[in-house]
Amino acid sequence: MKIAYVTHTRFPTEKAHGHQIARVAEAMVTLGHDVTMVSPDILNVIDHHHVKYYHLKKEFTAEKLETFDAFQSKIIPGRFAFLFTMKSYRGSLKKYFFDNRFDLLYARSPQVLPALLSTKIPVVLELHTLPKRGRRAFVAYCKQCKHIVCLTTPMRDELVSWGVSQKKIIVEGDAVDLERFAKLPTTKKAKHHFGLPEDRLIIGYVGSLVTMDKVEKGVDILIKAMPSLKQHYPKVFLFVVGGPDHWIQRYRKLALENQLTDHDFLFHGPVRPKLVPDAMAACDICIYPSPVPKHQYFKRDTSPLKLFEYLASGTPVVCADIPPVRDVMTKDVVRFVHAGSVSSLAGGIRDVIDHPKKAKERASAGLAMVKNHSWKKRMKRILEPPR
């Protein structure tokens, strides 16, 4: 098929969604489709070609459409900039698809749906959250789409409760690029690369520290669990990879306030996607923490992408038990703990340390399970669903 993947943000981007977009497009190409990435031509400090920037093995065309970038305007208030930019972009989309024909339009933003649906070309919408406003119009747009992809079962269930037919919905979480984890360094070499002590037990977290710029993802809970772990195992060491920088400083202060010293932790900051597998390989245990799931991100929207990567690294995983991860994770592949509980997280980590054989069995089962969650297999299930 000739497929246009339509994003409403700049591309490429340093934000996490850019990596997911690139992998989806690459997987479509791997399946034999002719793919064009369509994005607005707005200010972008990244001047690398997308193939080089995301270390892709497959090429696809990238088209940037002329768009009024209201974010750069001196007369349009910031809170209206997005609305003006999207209005301009939707106009460019209509013109582009009038002049260029495709078999399928793939999107991950409701913002572009009015323009895409007006073309009468089949549309697949991949949802990473549900809109807070304009529910009636959104549901009407969803009913016109060929398929809706929801990352989690809780997201699907809520969308169905809004009036969208379950038959139209496919539940598919994110996936993992297994080739990136095919040739991992030894734990010793990985520790050396990141300047970690070789004689310490590395408790690791690899990923962004917050979502939506301000919602904490549970690293504070991990930090607070470390003092009790040190009482039982003096050689535990906390290794956190991710940003942004001002949150690193906040968490570093929290670590010191919890009686940890500079010799007990390393907040590394973000690393290039190419080095993410190496960072996980440096860990003896990988942690997927979570606050008590009150926010929709933890109750409904969070993707298992990081968990898949943890499992692909072959590292034992301690994971907060929240509804979205139950779609793909079981107690046979991760050690579940109560979300938001410092004592439960510490207990789960102690269990992994005290029972290495069982932890290794779970890690091996996770490696086998994650092979079904490559980007290629994910996109095949989405583009070729059973009838």
Protein backbone atom coordinates (compact mmCIF):
# COMPACT_ATOMS: atom_id res chain seq x y z
CA MET A 1 0.00 0.00 0.00
CA LYS A 2 0.94 3.62 -0.41
CA ILE A 3 0.68 5.03 3.13
CA ALA A 4 0.99 8.57 4.45
CA TYR A 5 1.89 8.82 8.13
CA VAL A 6 0.60 12.24 9.20
CA THR A 7 2.02 13.81 12.35
CA HIS A 8 1.00 17.21 13.74
CA THR A 9 4.43 17.90 15.30
CA ARG A 10 7.82 18.71 13.87
CA PHE A 11 9.80 15.75 12.60
CA PRO A 12 12.38 14.69 13.57
CA THR A 13 12.07 15.69 17.20
CA GLU A 14 14.11 15.00 20.32
CA LYS A 15 10.92 14.13 22.21
CA ALA A 16 10.08 10.49 22.94
CA HIS A 17 7.12 10.39 20.55
CA GLY A 18 9.50 11.03 17.63
CA HIS A 19 11.25 7.73 18.28
CA GLN A 20 7.90 5.90 18.27
CA ILE A 21 6.78 7.61 15.07
CA ALA A 22 10.03 6.72 13.30
CA ARG A 23 9.82 3.06 14.34
CA VAL A 24 6.21 2.77 13.19
CA ALA A 25 7.06 4.22 9.79
CA GLU A 26 10.14 2.01 9.46
CA ALA A 27 8.09 -1.08 10.33
CA MET A 28 5.57 -0.22 7.61
CA VAL A 29 8.42 -0.02 5.08
CA THR A 30 9.80 -3.34 6.32
CA LEU A 31 6.39 -4.87 5.62
CA GLY A 32 6.69 -3.72 2.01
CA HIS A 33 4.63 -0.53 2.06
CA ASP A 34 5.51 2.76 0.36
CA VAL A 35 5.56 5.25 3.25
CA THR A 36 5.62 9.06 3.27
CA MET A 37 5.97 10.97 6.54
CA VAL A 38 3.95 14.21 6.44
CA SER A 39 4.61 16.93 9.01
CA PRO A 40 4.25 20.72 9.36
CA ASP A 41 7.18 22.87 8.25
CA ILE A 42 7.71 24.74 11.51
CA LEU A 43 10.82 25.78 13.41
CA ASN A 44 13.04 22.78 14.15
CA VAL A 45 16.48 23.01 15.70
CA ILE A 46 17.26 19.47 14.52
CA ASP A 47 18.83 19.54 11.06
CA HIS A 48 19.79 15.85 10.85
CA HIS A 49 18.14 13.59 8.30
CA HIS A 50 15.56 11.40 10.04
CA VAL A 51 17.30 8.16 9.03
CA LYS A 52 20.54 9.26 10.65
CA TYR A 53 18.89 10.88 13.65
CA TYR A 54 16.89 7.77 14.60
CA HIS A 55 19.47 5.23 13.35
CA LEU A 56 16.94 3.70 10.96
CA LYS A 57 17.74 0.80 8.70
CA LYS A 58 14.92 1.54 6.27
CA GLU A 59 14.35 4.80 4.37
CA PHE A 60 11.03 6.56 3.88
CA THR A 61 10.10 9.87 2.30
CA ALA A 62 9.55 12.88 4.55
CA GLU A 63 7.38 15.77 3.34
CA LYS A 64 7.15 19.05 5.25
CA LEU A 65 4.06 21.08 4.37
CA GLU A 66 4.05 24.87 4.36
CA THR A 67 2.50 25.96 7.67
CA PHE A 68 2.07 29.26 9.45
CA ASP A 69 4.18 28.81 12.59
CA ALA A 70 2.20 30.88 15.07
CA PHE A 71 4.64 29.96 17.83
CA GLN A 72 7.12 32.35 16.19
CA SER A 73 4.61 35.18 15.91
CA LYS A 74 5.05 38.27 18.07
CA ILE A 75 1.38 39.24 17.90
CA ILE A 76 -0.39 35.92 18.61
CA PRO A 77 -0.64 35.05 22.33
CA GLY A 78 1.09 31.79 23.23
CA ARG A 79 -2.11 30.06 24.33
CA PHE A 80 -3.58 30.54 20.83
CA ALA A 81 -0.43 29.66 18.87
CA PHE A 82 -1.23 25.95 18.62
CA LEU A 83 -4.76 26.62 17.33
CA PHE A 84 -3.55 28.98 14.60
CA THR A 85 -0.73 26.64 13.60
CA MET A 86 -3.05 23.64 13.34
CA LYS A 87 -5.60 25.59 11.31
CA SER A 88 -2.90 26.48 8.80
CA TYR A 89 -1.56 22.93 8.74
CA ARG A 90 -4.99 21.39 8.15
CA GLY A 91 -5.41 23.64 5.13
CA SER A 92 -2.07 22.46 3.75
CA LEU A 93 -3.03 18.85 4.39
CA LYS A 94 -6.23 19.17 2.36
CA LYS A 95 -4.31 20.64 -0.56
CA TYR A 96 -1.54 18.04 -0.33
CA PHE A 97 -3.92 15.09 -0.38
CA PHE A 98 -5.93 16.63 -3.21
CA ASP A 99 -2.73 16.60 -5.29
CA ASN A 100 -1.28 13.30 -3.97
CA ARG A 101 -3.18 10.05 -3.69
CA PHE A 102 -2.61 7.38 -1.06
CA ASP A 103 -4.24 4.08 -0.14
CA LEU A 104 -4.18 4.74 3.60
CA LEU A 105 -3.63 7.67 5.96
CA TYR A 106 -2.12 6.87 9.37
CA ALA A 107 -2.26 9.42 12.19
CA ARG A 108 -1.73 9.69 15.94
CA SER A 109 -3.40 13.04 16.59
CA PRO A 110 -7.10 13.95 16.56
CA GLN A 111 -6.01 17.47 15.51
CA VAL A 112 -5.50 16.35 11.91
CA LEU A 113 -8.63 14.20 11.57
CA PRO A 114 -10.94 16.81 9.98
CA ALA A 115 -8.51 17.32 7.10
CA LEU A 116 -7.74 13.61 6.66
CA LEU A 117 -11.33 12.40 6.77
CA SER A 118 -12.37 15.00 4.19
CA THR A 119 -10.15 13.25 1.63
CA LYS A 120 -12.31 10.06 1.78
CA ILE A 121 -9.09 8.05 1.97
CA PRO A 122 -9.25 5.34 4.71
CA VAL A 123 -7.79 6.61 8.00
CA VAL A 124 -6.23 4.64 10.87
CA LEU A 125 -5.94 6.67 14.08
CA GLU A 126 -3.45 5.61 16.75
CA LEU A 127 -4.38 7.06 20.14
CA HIS A 128 -1.90 7.77 22.93
CA THR A 129 -4.46 9.53 25.10
CA LEU A 130 -8.10 10.63 24.91
CA PRO A 131 -9.13 14.29 24.51
CA LYS A 132 -10.46 16.12 27.55
CA ARG A 133 -12.78 18.36 25.50
CA GLY A 134 -14.88 18.06 22.36
CA ARG A 135 -15.87 14.46 23.05
CA ARG A 136 -18.92 14.47 20.77
CA ALA A 137 -16.99 15.67 17.73
CA PHE A 138 -14.11 13.32 18.51
CA VAL A 139 -16.40 10.28 18.69
CA ALA A 140 -17.99 11.30 15.39
CA TYR A 141 -14.52 11.43 13.80
CA CYS A 142 -13.59 8.04 15.28
CA LYS A 143 -16.68 6.45 13.76
CA GLN A 144 -15.48 7.59 10.33
CA CYS A 145 -12.04 6.02 10.73
CA LYS A 146 -11.22 2.60 9.35
CA HIS A 147 -9.63 1.51 12.63
CA ILE A 148 -8.71 3.05 15.97
CA VAL A 149 -5.54 1.81 17.69
CA CYS A 150 -5.56 2.12 21.49
CA LEU A 151 -2.37 1.53 23.46
CA THR A 152 -4.18 -0.16 26.34
CA THR A 153 -7.35 -2.03 27.23
CA PRO A 154 -8.43 0.67 29.75
CA MET A 155 -8.19 3.25 26.95
CA ARG A 156 -10.28 1.04 24.66
CA ASP A 157 -12.90 0.46 27.35
CA GLU A 158 -13.31 4.18 27.98
CA LEU A 159 -13.56 4.91 24.26
CA VAL A 160 -16.25 2.23 23.92
CA SER A 161 -18.14 3.82 26.84
CA TRP A 162 -18.13 7.06 24.83
CA GLY A 163 -19.93 5.34 21.96
CA VAL A 164 -17.24 3.98 19.61
CA SER A 165 -17.79 0.39 18.48
CA GLN A 166 -15.35 -2.10 20.00
CA LYS A 167 -15.18 -3.85 16.62
CA LYS A 168 -13.46 -0.77 15.21
CA ILE A 169 -10.76 -0.75 17.91
CA ILE A 170 -7.42 -2.59 17.97
CA VAL A 171 -5.46 -2.75 21.23
CA GLU A 172 -1.73 -2.60 20.58
CA GLY A 173 0.85 -1.19 22.95
CA ASP A 174 4.13 0.16 21.71
CA ALA A 175 6.88 -2.26 20.73
CA VAL A 176 10.64 -2.71 20.81
CA ASP A 177 13.41 -2.70 18.22
CA LEU A 178 14.88 -6.12 18.99
CA GLU A 179 17.89 -5.58 16.75
CA ARG A 180 19.11 -2.81 19.06
CA PHE A 181 19.37 -5.41 21.85
CA ALA A 182 20.94 -8.18 19.77
CA LYS A 183 24.57 -7.39 20.64
CA LEU A 184 24.62 -6.02 24.15
CA PRO A 185 27.89 -5.43 26.00
CA THR A 186 28.56 -7.46 29.11
CA THR A 187 27.35 -5.93 32.36
CA LYS A 188 30.99 -5.30 33.31
CA LYS A 189 31.73 -3.41 30.08
CA ALA A 190 28.49 -1.45 30.28
CA LYS A 191 29.22 -0.42 33.87
CA HIS A 192 32.68 0.73 32.81
CA HIS A 193 31.23 2.78 29.94
CA PHE A 194 28.92 4.73 32.26
CA GLY A 195 31.49 5.07 35.04
CA LEU A 196 29.60 2.81 37.43
CA PRO A 197 31.34 0.88 40.23
CA GLU A 198 31.89 -2.72 39.14
CA ASP A 199 31.58 -4.10 42.67
CA ARG A 200 28.16 -2.55 43.35
CA LEU A 201 24.67 -3.94 42.65
CA ILE A 202 23.17 -1.48 40.15
CA ILE A 203 19.48 -0.65 40.62
CA GLY A 204 18.53 1.14 37.41
CA TYR A 205 15.86 3.34 35.91
CA VAL A 206 16.16 4.31 32.23
CA GLY A 207 13.63 6.75 30.80
CA SER A 208 12.18 10.22 31.14
CA LEU A 209 11.68 11.36 34.73
CA VAL A 210 8.32 13.01 34.09
CA THR A 211 5.56 12.94 31.51
CA MET A 212 3.71 15.99 30.17
CA ASP A 213 6.56 18.09 31.65
CA LYS A 214 5.35 17.85 35.23
CA VAL A 215 3.76 14.48 36.09
CA GLU A 216 6.30 12.42 38.03
CA LYS A 217 6.75 8.81 36.93
CA GLY A 218 7.80 7.35 40.28
CA VAL A 219 11.56 7.90 40.46
CA ASP A 220 11.01 9.66 43.80
CA ILE A 221 9.57 6.41 45.17
CA LEU A 222 12.64 4.51 43.99
CA ILE A 223 14.93 7.04 45.67
CA LYS A 224 13.02 6.72 48.96
CA ALA A 225 13.31 2.92 48.77
CA MET A 226 17.11 3.02 48.57
CA PRO A 227 17.92 3.74 52.27
CA SER A 228 16.15 0.59 53.51
CA LEU A 229 17.81 -1.42 50.74
CA LYS A 230 21.21 -0.12 51.85
CA GLN A 231 20.55 -1.42 55.36
CA HIS A 232 20.21 -4.96 53.98
CA TYR A 233 22.63 -4.68 51.07
CA PRO A 234 25.31 -2.00 51.61
CA LYS A 235 26.56 -2.34 48.02
CA VAL A 236 23.36 -1.30 46.22
CA PHE A 237 23.82 1.67 43.88
CA LEU A 238 21.15 3.79 42.18
CA PHE A 239 21.63 4.53 38.47
CA VAL A 240 19.08 6.86 36.84
CA VAL A 241 19.27 7.66 33.12
CA GLY A 242 16.97 10.39 31.81
CA GLY A 243 15.97 14.02 32.11
CA PRO A 244 15.04 16.85 32.04
CA ASP A 245 17.91 18.53 33.88
CA HIS A 246 15.88 20.49 36.44
CA TRP A 247 14.25 17.26 37.58
CA ILE A 248 17.66 15.65 37.91
CA GLN A 249 18.66 18.40 40.31
CA ARG A 250 15.44 17.97 42.26
CA TYR A 251 15.93 14.21 42.57
CA ARG A 252 19.59 14.55 43.45
CA LYS A 253 18.57 16.79 46.34
CA LEU A 254 15.92 14.24 47.37
CA ALA A 255 18.54 11.47 47.37
CA LEU A 256 20.81 13.47 49.67
CA GLU A 257 17.87 14.26 51.95
CA ASN A 258 17.27 10.50 52.23
CA GLN A 259 20.74 9.85 53.63
CA LEU A 260 22.27 8.72 50.34
CA THR A 261 25.72 10.05 49.48
CA ASP A 262 27.36 10.92 46.18
CA HIS A 263 28.90 7.44 46.30
CA ASP A 264 25.45 5.79 46.31
CA PHE A 265 23.91 7.13 43.10
CA LEU A 266 24.48 8.51 39.63
CA PHE A 267 21.96 10.66 37.78
CA HIS A 268 23.38 10.38 34.30
CA GLY A 269 20.93 12.48 32.29
CA PRO A 270 19.51 11.51 28.89
CA VAL A 271 21.46 9.36 26.45
CA ARG A 272 21.12 8.96 22.69
CA PRO A 273 18.67 6.21 21.66
CA LYS A 274 21.61 4.15 20.44
CA LEU A 275 22.95 3.91 24.02
CA VAL A 276 19.68 3.04 25.77
CA PRO A 277 20.27 -0.74 25.50
CA ASP A 278 23.80 -0.30 26.92
CA ALA A 279 22.41 1.65 29.88
CA MET A 280 19.99 -1.18 30.65
CA ALA A 281 22.77 -3.75 30.24
CA ALA A 282 24.71 -1.90 32.96
CA CYS A 283 21.92 -2.60 35.47
CA ASP A 284 21.57 -5.67 37.66
CA ILE A 285 17.88 -4.88 38.20
CA CYS A 286 15.67 -2.53 36.15
CA ILE A 287 12.84 -0.68 37.88
CA TYR A 288 9.49 0.40 36.43
CA PRO A 289 8.04 2.51 39.26
CA SER A 290 4.75 4.37 39.39
CA PRO A 291 2.89 6.63 41.79
CA VAL A 292 -0.57 5.60 42.94
CA PRO A 293 -2.49 5.58 39.62
CA LYS A 294 -4.71 8.63 40.04
CA HIS A 295 -3.65 10.38 36.83
CA GLN A 296 -5.06 9.04 33.55
CA TYR A 297 -1.52 8.41 32.31
CA PHE A 298 -1.07 5.67 34.92
CA LYS A 299 -4.68 4.46 34.98
CA ARG A 300 -5.20 4.32 31.22
CA ASP A 301 -2.59 5.68 28.84
CA THR A 302 0.94 4.59 29.71
CA SER A 303 2.67 2.47 27.09
CA PRO A 304 4.76 -0.66 27.81
CA LEU A 305 7.60 0.55 25.56
CA LYS A 306 10.10 0.92 28.40
CA LEU A 307 9.08 -2.44 29.87
CA PHE A 308 9.61 -4.14 26.52
CA GLU A 309 13.08 -2.62 26.33
CA TYR A 310 13.89 -3.74 29.87
CA LEU A 311 12.84 -7.28 29.00
CA ALA A 312 14.75 -7.23 25.70
CA SER A 313 17.92 -6.41 27.67
CA GLY A 314 17.51 -9.65 29.64
CA THR A 315 17.63 -7.79 32.97
CA PRO A 316 15.35 -8.77 35.89
CA VAL A 317 12.49 -6.26 36.21
CA VAL A 318 10.61 -4.97 39.25
CA CYS A 319 7.39 -3.37 38.02
CA ALA A 320 4.59 -1.32 39.57
CA ASP A 321 1.27 -3.10 39.13
CA ILE A 322 -0.89 -0.58 37.23
CA PRO A 323 -3.83 -1.33 34.88
CA PRO A 324 -2.17 -0.52 31.52
CA VAL A 325 0.79 -2.88 31.99
CA ARG A 326 -1.49 -5.81 32.78
CA ASP A 327 -2.31 -6.02 29.06
CA VAL A 328 1.11 -7.51 28.37
CA MET A 329 2.91 -8.24 31.65
CA THR A 330 2.39 -11.14 34.06
CA LYS A 331 4.05 -12.24 37.29
CA ASP A 332 5.92 -14.81 35.21
CA VAL A 333 8.05 -12.12 33.52
CA VAL A 334 8.27 -9.28 36.09
CA ARG A 335 8.20 -8.97 39.87
CA PHE A 336 5.08 -6.90 40.55
CA VAL A 337 4.90 -4.42 43.44
CA HIS A 338 2.22 -2.03 44.67
CA ALA A 339 2.19 1.30 42.83
CA GLY A 340 3.14 4.26 45.00
CA SER A 341 4.46 2.13 47.86
CA VAL A 342 8.06 2.66 48.98
CA SER A 343 8.01 -0.44 51.19
CA SER A 344 6.52 -2.66 48.48
CA LEU A 345 9.10 -1.51 45.94
CA ALA A 346 11.93 -2.10 48.39
CA GLY A 347 10.49 -5.53 49.18
CA GLY A 348 10.25 -6.42 45.50
CA ILE A 349 13.88 -5.47 44.90
CA ARG A 350 14.97 -7.49 47.98
CA ASP A 351 13.05 -10.49 46.62
CA VAL A 352 14.92 -10.30 43.31
CA ILE A 353 18.27 -10.00 45.10
CA ASP A 354 17.50 -12.87 47.50
CA HIS A 355 16.11 -15.21 44.82
CA PRO A 356 18.43 -14.83 41.80
CA LYS A 357 17.34 -18.13 40.23
CA LYS A 358 13.68 -17.12 40.13
CA ALA A 359 14.63 -13.66 38.89
CA LYS A 360 16.65 -15.21 36.07
CA GLU A 361 13.71 -17.45 35.12
CA ARG A 362 11.42 -14.42 34.86
CA ALA A 363 14.01 -12.55 32.78
CA SER A 364 14.32 -15.52 30.39
CA ALA A 365 10.53 -15.73 30.06
CA GLY A 366 10.44 -12.01 29.37
CA LEU A 367 13.01 -12.35 26.60
CA ALA A 368 10.88 -15.02 24.95
CA MET A 369 7.66 -13.02 25.34
CA VAL A 370 9.02 -9.76 23.98
CA LYS A 371 9.92 -11.36 20.65
CA ASN A 372 6.23 -11.11 19.74
CA HIS A 373 6.33 -7.36 20.28
CA SER A 374 8.67 -6.15 17.57
CA TRP A 375 7.59 -3.05 15.64
CA LYS A 376 7.19 -5.15 12.50
CA LYS A 377 4.84 -7.66 14.15
CA ARG A 378 2.92 -4.85 15.83
CA MET A 379 2.30 -3.01 12.56
CA LYS A 380 1.40 -6.21 10.75
CA ARG A 381 -1.33 -6.84 13.34
CA ILE A 382 -2.58 -3.26 12.92
CA LEU A 383 -2.51 -3.09 9.13
CA GLU A 384 -3.68 -6.66 8.57
CA PRO A 385 -6.13 -7.35 11.43
CA PRO A 386 -8.09 -10.63 11.36
CA ARG A 387 -11.43 -10.32 9.66
